[in-house]
C-alpha atoms as a PDB file:
ATOM      1  CA  UNK A   1     -57.930   1.594  23.784  1.00  0.00           C
ATOM      2  CA  UNK A   2     -57.245  -0.643  26.969  1.00  0.00           C
ATOM      3  CA  UNK A   3     -54.006  -0.224  28.617  1.00  0.00           C
ATOM      4  CA  UNK A   4     -51.502  -3.181  28.518  1.00  0.00           C
ATOM      5  CA  UNK A   5     -51.105  -4.500  32.193  1.00  0.00           C
ATOM      6  CA  UNK A   6     -47.780  -4.305  33.579  1.00  0.00           C
ATOM      7  CA  UNK A   7     -47.162  -7.936  34.442  1.00  0.00           C
ATOM      8  CA  UNK A   8     -47.506  -8.339  30.750  1.00  0.00           C
ATOM      9  CA  UNK A   9     -45.712  -5.380  29.350  1.00  0.00           C
ATOM     10  CA  UNK A  10     -42.443  -6.160  31.538  1.00  0.00           C
ATOM     11  CA  UNK A  11     -41.727  -9.482  30.124  1.00  0.00           C
ATOM     12  CA  UNK A  12     -42.357  -8.728  26.607  1.00  0.00           C
ATOM     13  CA  UNK A  13     -40.208  -5.569  26.794  1.00  0.00           C
ATOM     14  CA  UNK A  14     -37.537  -7.693  28.453  1.00  0.00           C
ATOM     15  CA  UNK A  15     -37.741 -10.440  25.836  1.00  0.00           C
ATOM     16  CA  UNK A  16     -37.374  -7.711  23.160  1.00  0.00           C
ATOM     17  CA  UNK A  17     -34.281  -6.402  24.636  1.00  0.00           C
ATOM     18  CA  UNK A  18     -32.519  -9.604  25.064  1.00  0.00           C
ATOM     19  CA  UNK A  19     -33.206 -10.396  21.416  1.00  0.00           C
ATOM     20  CA  UNK A  20     -31.722  -7.273  20.283  1.00  0.00           C
ATOM     21  CA  UNK A  21     -28.014  -8.516  20.751  1.00  0.00           C
ATOM     22  CA  UNK A  22     -28.527 -11.587  18.961  1.00  0.00           C
ATOM     23  CA  UNK A  23     -29.900  -9.651  15.777  1.00  0.00           C
ATOM     24  CA  UNK A  24     -27.150  -7.470  16.156  1.00  0.00           C
ATOM     25  CA  UNK A  25     -24.576 -10.273  16.166  1.00  0.00           C
ATOM     26  CA  UNK A  26     -26.066 -11.742  13.171  1.00  0.00           C
ATOM     27  CA  UNK A  27     -24.986  -8.336  11.247  1.00  0.00           C
ATOM     28  CA  UNK A  28     -21.484  -8.566  12.674  1.00  0.00           C
ATOM     29  CA  UNK A  29     -18.970  -8.576  10.023  1.00  0.00           C
ATOM     30  CA  UNK A  30     -16.690 -11.628  10.016  1.00  0.00           C
ATOM     31  CA  UNK A  31     -13.036 -10.795  10.665  1.00  0.00           C
ATOM     32  CA  UNK A  32     -10.900 -10.548   7.639  1.00  0.00           C
ATOM     33  CA  UNK A  33      -9.654 -14.032   7.798  1.00  0.00           C
ATOM     34  CA  UNK A  34     -10.937 -14.883   4.283  1.00  0.00           C
ATOM     35  CA  UNK A  35      -9.236 -12.096   2.501  1.00  0.00           C
ATOM     36  CA  UNK A  36      -5.837 -12.778   4.743  1.00  0.00           C
ATOM     37  CA  UNK A  37      -6.029 -16.484   3.598  1.00  0.00           C
ATOM     38  CA  UNK A  38      -6.735 -15.215  -0.051  1.00  0.00           C
ATOM     39  CA  UNK A  39      -3.860 -12.696   0.072  1.00  0.00           C
ATOM     40  CA  UNK A  40      -1.482 -15.319   1.359  1.00  0.00           C
ATOM     41  CA  UNK A  41      -2.472 -17.743  -1.234  1.00  0.00           C
ATOM     42  CA  UNK A  42      -1.985 -15.102  -3.970  1.00  0.00           C
ATOM     43  CA  UNK A  43       1.279 -14.259  -2.488  1.00  0.00           C
ATOM     44  CA  UNK A  44       2.485 -17.632  -2.421  1.00  0.00           C
ATOM     45  CA  UNK A  45       1.522 -18.173  -6.065  1.00  0.00           C
ATOM     46  CA  UNK A  46       3.255 -14.694  -6.960  1.00  0.00           C
ATOM     47  CA  UNK A  47       6.533 -16.109  -5.403  1.00  0.00           C
ATOM     48  CA  UNK A  48       6.437 -19.439  -7.463  1.00  0.00           C
ATOM     49  CA  UNK A  49       5.750 -17.400 -10.602  1.00  0.00           C
ATOM     50  CA  UNK A  50       8.385 -15.038 -10.172  1.00  0.00           C
ATOM     51  CA  UNK A  51      11.224 -17.896 -10.217  1.00  0.00           C
ATOM     52  CA  UNK A  52      10.289 -18.225 -13.969  1.00  0.00           C
ATOM     53  CA  UNK A  53      11.518 -15.187 -15.986  1.00  0.00           C
ATOM     54  CA  UNK A  54       8.702 -15.679 -18.342  1.00  0.00           C
ATOM     55  CA  UNK A  55       6.026 -15.520 -15.729  1.00  0.00           C
ATOM     56  CA  UNK A  56       7.130 -12.269 -14.228  1.00  0.00           C
ATOM     57  CA  UNK A  57       4.047 -10.179 -15.347  1.00  0.00           C
ATOM     58  CA  UNK A  58       1.711 -12.769 -14.036  1.00  0.00           C
ATOM     59  CA  UNK A  59       3.588 -12.943 -10.612  1.00  0.00           C
ATOM     60  CA  UNK A  60       3.648  -8.878 -10.415  1.00  0.00           C
ATOM     61  CA  UNK A  61      -0.091  -9.124 -11.178  1.00  0.00           C
ATOM     62  CA  UNK A  62      -0.553 -11.673  -8.418  1.00  0.00           C
ATOM     63  CA  UNK A  63       1.608  -9.720  -5.879  1.00  0.00           C
ATOM     64  CA  UNK A  64      -0.561  -6.440  -6.556  1.00  0.00           C
ATOM     65  CA  UNK A  65      -3.797  -8.696  -6.098  1.00  0.00           C
ATOM     66  CA  UNK A  66      -2.283 -10.054  -2.914  1.00  0.00           C
ATOM     67  CA  UNK A  67      -1.381  -6.515  -1.548  1.00  0.00           C
ATOM     68  CA  UNK A  68      -4.655  -5.018  -2.249  1.00  0.00           C
ATOM     69  CA  UNK A  69      -6.449  -7.469  -0.076  1.00  0.00           C
ATOM     70  CA  UNK A  70      -4.145  -6.521   2.906  1.00  0.00           C
ATOM     71  CA  UNK A  71      -4.975  -4.214   5.954  1.00  0.00           C
ATOM     72  CA  UNK A  72      -2.509  -1.124   5.960  1.00  0.00           C
ATOM     73  CA  UNK A  73      -0.696  -2.426   9.134  1.00  0.00           C
ATOM     74  CA  UNK A  74       0.141  -5.755   7.249  1.00  0.00           C
ATOM     75  CA  UNK A  75       3.799  -5.332   6.241  1.00  0.00           C
ATOM     76  CA  UNK A  76       3.430  -7.901   3.667  1.00  0.00           C
ATOM     77  CA  UNK A  77       1.334  -5.401   1.877  1.00  0.00           C
ATOM     78  CA  UNK A  78       4.445  -3.164   1.260  1.00  0.00           C
ATOM     79  CA  UNK A  79       6.496  -6.078   0.450  1.00  0.00           C
ATOM     80  CA  UNK A  80       3.900  -7.493  -2.380  1.00  0.00           C
ATOM     81  CA  UNK A  81       3.613  -3.908  -3.846  1.00  0.00           C
ATOM     82  CA  UNK A  82       7.562  -3.456  -3.838  1.00  0.00           C
ATOM     83  CA  UNK A  83       7.994  -6.896  -5.390  1.00  0.00           C
ATOM     84  CA  UNK A  84       5.227  -6.207  -8.066  1.00  0.00           C
ATOM     85  CA  UNK A  85       7.265  -3.007  -8.823  1.00  0.00           C
ATOM     86  CA  UNK A  86      10.613  -4.765  -9.434  1.00  0.00           C
ATOM     87  CA  UNK A  87       8.712  -7.654 -11.293  1.00  0.00           C
ATOM     88  CA  UNK A  88       7.095  -4.967 -13.706  1.00  0.00           C
ATOM     89  CA  UNK A  89      10.322  -3.128 -14.106  1.00  0.00           C
ATOM     90  CA  UNK A  90      12.207  -6.232 -15.135  1.00  0.00           C
ATOM     91  CA  UNK A  91       9.596  -6.916 -17.836  1.00  0.00           C
ATOM     92  CA  UNK A  92       9.841  -3.072 -18.993  1.00  0.00           C
ATOM     93  CA  UNK A  93       6.192  -2.409 -17.827  1.00  0.00           C
ATOM     94  CA  UNK A  94       7.115   1.007 -16.395  1.00  0.00           C
ATOM     95  CA  UNK A  95       3.593   2.109 -15.832  1.00  0.00           C
ATOM     96  CA  UNK A  96       2.950  -0.842 -13.559  1.00  0.00           C
ATOM     97  CA  UNK A  97       6.318  -0.559 -11.893  1.00  0.00           C
ATOM     98  CA  UNK A  98       5.401   3.219 -11.118  1.00  0.00           C
ATOM     99  CA  UNK A  99       2.055   2.432  -9.733  1.00  0.00           C
ATOM    100  CA  UNK A 100       3.307  -0.537  -7.847  1.00  0.00           C
ATOM    101  CA  UNK A 101       6.116   1.426  -6.067  1.00  0.00           C
ATOM    102  CA  UNK A 102       3.559   4.508  -5.537  1.00  0.00           C
ATOM    103  CA  UNK A 103       1.151   1.936  -3.576  1.00  0.00           C
ATOM    104  CA  UNK A 104       4.224   0.372  -1.764  1.00  0.00           C
ATOM    105  CA  UNK A 105       4.836   3.999  -0.378  1.00  0.00           C
ATOM    106  CA  UNK A 106       1.381   4.693   0.384  1.00  0.00           C
ATOM    107  CA  UNK A 107       1.093   1.483   2.050  1.00  0.00           C
ATOM    108  CA  UNK A 108       4.322   1.966   4.209  1.00  0.00           C
ATOM    109  CA  UNK A 109       3.037   5.581   4.919  1.00  0.00           C
ATOM    110  CA  UNK A 110      -0.344   3.950   6.175  1.00  0.00           C
ATOM    111  CA  UNK A 111       1.431   1.970   8.977  1.00  0.00           C
ATOM    112  CA  UNK A 112       3.931   4.685   9.904  1.00  0.00           C
ATOM    113  CA  UNK A 113       7.113   3.452   8.028  1.00  0.00           C
ATOM    114  CA  UNK A 114       8.559   6.734   6.940  1.00  0.00           C
ATOM    115  CA  UNK A 115      11.913   5.331   5.578  1.00  0.00           C
ATOM    116  CA  UNK A 116      10.407   2.641   3.511  1.00  0.00           C
ATOM    117  CA  UNK A 117       7.577   5.249   2.303  1.00  0.00           C
ATOM    118  CA  UNK A 118      10.232   7.858   1.153  1.00  0.00           C
ATOM    119  CA  UNK A 119      12.473   5.082  -0.594  1.00  0.00           C
ATOM    120  CA  UNK A 120       9.393   3.708  -2.612  1.00  0.00           C
ATOM    121  CA  UNK A 121       8.224   7.307  -3.372  1.00  0.00           C
ATOM    122  CA  UNK A 122      11.825   7.808  -4.583  1.00  0.00           C
ATOM    123  CA  UNK A 123      11.849   4.715  -6.710  1.00  0.00           C
ATOM    124  CA  UNK A 124       8.174   5.817  -8.136  1.00  0.00           C
ATOM    125  CA  UNK A 125       9.771   9.086  -9.227  1.00  0.00           C
ATOM    126  CA  UNK A 126      12.819   7.359 -10.796  1.00  0.00           C
ATOM    127  CA  UNK A 127      10.250   5.303 -12.872  1.00  0.00           C
ATOM    128  CA  UNK A 128       8.389   8.142 -13.976  1.00  0.00           C
ATOM    129  CA  UNK A 129      11.205   9.872 -15.019  1.00  0.00           C
ATOM    130  CA  UNK A 130      12.193   6.571 -17.250  1.00  0.00           C
ATOM    131  CA  UNK A 131       8.559   6.815 -18.573  1.00  0.00           C
ATOM    132  CA  UNK A 132       8.791  10.646 -19.288  1.00  0.00           C
ATOM    133  CA  UNK A 133       6.005  11.186 -16.874  1.00  0.00           C
ATOM    134  CA  UNK A 134       7.247  14.727 -15.752  1.00  0.00           C
ATOM    135  CA  UNK A 135       4.153  15.287 -13.659  1.00  0.00           C
ATOM    136  CA  UNK A 136       4.511  12.152 -11.671  1.00  0.00           C
ATOM    137  CA  UNK A 137       8.273  12.821 -11.343  1.00  0.00           C
ATOM    138  CA  UNK A 138       7.477  16.075  -9.423  1.00  0.00           C
ATOM    139  CA  UNK A 139       4.632  14.400  -7.364  1.00  0.00           C
ATOM    140  CA  UNK A 140       6.323  11.380  -6.127  1.00  0.00           C
ATOM    141  CA  UNK A 141       9.711  13.133  -5.700  1.00  0.00           C
ATOM    142  CA  UNK A 142       8.368  15.865  -3.680  1.00  0.00           C
ATOM    143  CA  UNK A 143       6.676  13.150  -1.351  1.00  0.00           C
ATOM    144  CA  UNK A 144      10.098  11.357  -1.070  1.00  0.00           C
ATOM    145  CA  UNK A 145      11.819  14.807  -0.266  1.00  0.00           C
ATOM    146  CA  UNK A 146       9.205  15.796   2.536  1.00  0.00           C
ATOM    147  CA  UNK A 147       9.238  12.364   4.126  1.00  0.00           C
ATOM    148  CA  UNK A 148      12.945  12.454   4.027  1.00  0.00           C
ATOM    149  CA  UNK A 149      12.947  15.519   6.217  1.00  0.00           C
ATOM    150  CA  UNK A 150      11.169  13.412   8.958  1.00  0.00           C
ATOM    151  CA  UNK A 151      12.826  13.286  12.181  1.00  0.00           C
ATOM    152  CA  UNK A 152      12.326   9.787  12.291  1.00  0.00           C
ATOM    153  CA  UNK A 153      14.819   9.363   9.434  1.00  0.00           C
ATOM    154  CA  UNK A 154      18.530   9.549  10.244  1.00  0.00           C
ATOM    155  CA  UNK A 155      21.060  11.919   8.483  1.00  0.00           C
ATOM    156  CA  UNK A 156      22.617   9.114   6.286  1.00  0.00           C
ATOM    157  CA  UNK A 157      19.522   7.764   5.161  1.00  0.00           C
ATOM    158  CA  UNK A 158      18.026  11.445   4.482  1.00  0.00           C
ATOM    159  CA  UNK A 159      21.023  11.994   2.442  1.00  0.00           C
ATOM    160  CA  UNK A 160      20.906   8.645   0.589  1.00  0.00           C
ATOM    161  CA  UNK A 161      17.058   9.454  -0.538  1.00  0.00           C
ATOM    162  CA  UNK A 162      17.699  13.107  -1.388  1.00  0.00           C
ATOM    163  CA  UNK A 163      21.071  12.140  -3.281  1.00  0.00           C
ATOM    164  CA  UNK A 164      18.831  10.271  -5.868  1.00  0.00           C
ATOM    165  CA  UNK A 165      17.417  13.824  -6.991  1.00  0.00           C
ATOM    166  CA  UNK A 166      20.745  15.774  -7.228  1.00  0.00           C
ATOM    167  CA  UNK A 167      22.950  15.752 -10.264  1.00  0.00           C
ATOM    168  CA  UNK A 168      26.391  15.401  -9.432  1.00  0.00           C
ATOM    169  CA  UNK A 169      27.603  16.776 -12.807  1.00  0.00           C
ATOM    170  CA  UNK A 170      27.712  20.458 -12.320  1.00  0.00           C
ATOM    171  CA  UNK A 171      27.912  21.095 -16.121  1.00  0.00           C
ATOM    172  CA  UNK A 172      24.703  19.111 -16.584  1.00  0.00           C
ATOM    173  CA  UNK A 173      22.858  21.247 -13.870  1.00  0.00           C
ATOM    174  CA  UNK A 174      24.047  24.660 -15.435  1.00  0.00           C
ATOM    175  CA  UNK A 175      23.266  23.544 -18.858  1.00  0.00           C
ATOM    176  CA  UNK A 176      19.504  22.819 -17.858  1.00  0.00           C
ATOM    177  CA  UNK A 177      19.280  26.175 -15.907  1.00  0.00           C
ATOM    178  CA  UNK A 178      20.069  28.180 -18.961  1.00  0.00           C
END
């Protein structure tokens, strides 16, 4: 086999090296602008539908779809899940209300908003209790309690969150303990 002369090899190797970035840029994923635009469009439609009491289920569904398209750092994701939870509760759809509040808690937690995460998990626990889902009551309630102990939450905020899990009636607490 005849060796390739250096004056031919260097230009070919240099050309190949320069071609690599153009190939890599073709594989580069486009920014998430398309999904953000779609999420904003879904959010706008959900807000419009929420004005009619008879369309709350549809509005909640669109809010959940909008939130699912958003990045964890997008605060509108939390708001969409939170709105979906309230709208679902308003139509007595406790399962979707509970899951929406839990997703709101996860969204808030993903971006470091401990207070909103604790409040959303407390709401999810309350909704689970309304729906007689004991396992979820414990799971979401425990998440809220753990987050409420964060040093990022003030004493007043902590007391407000934890008060949702304590019965004020002594006789009820003693009756259930027997």
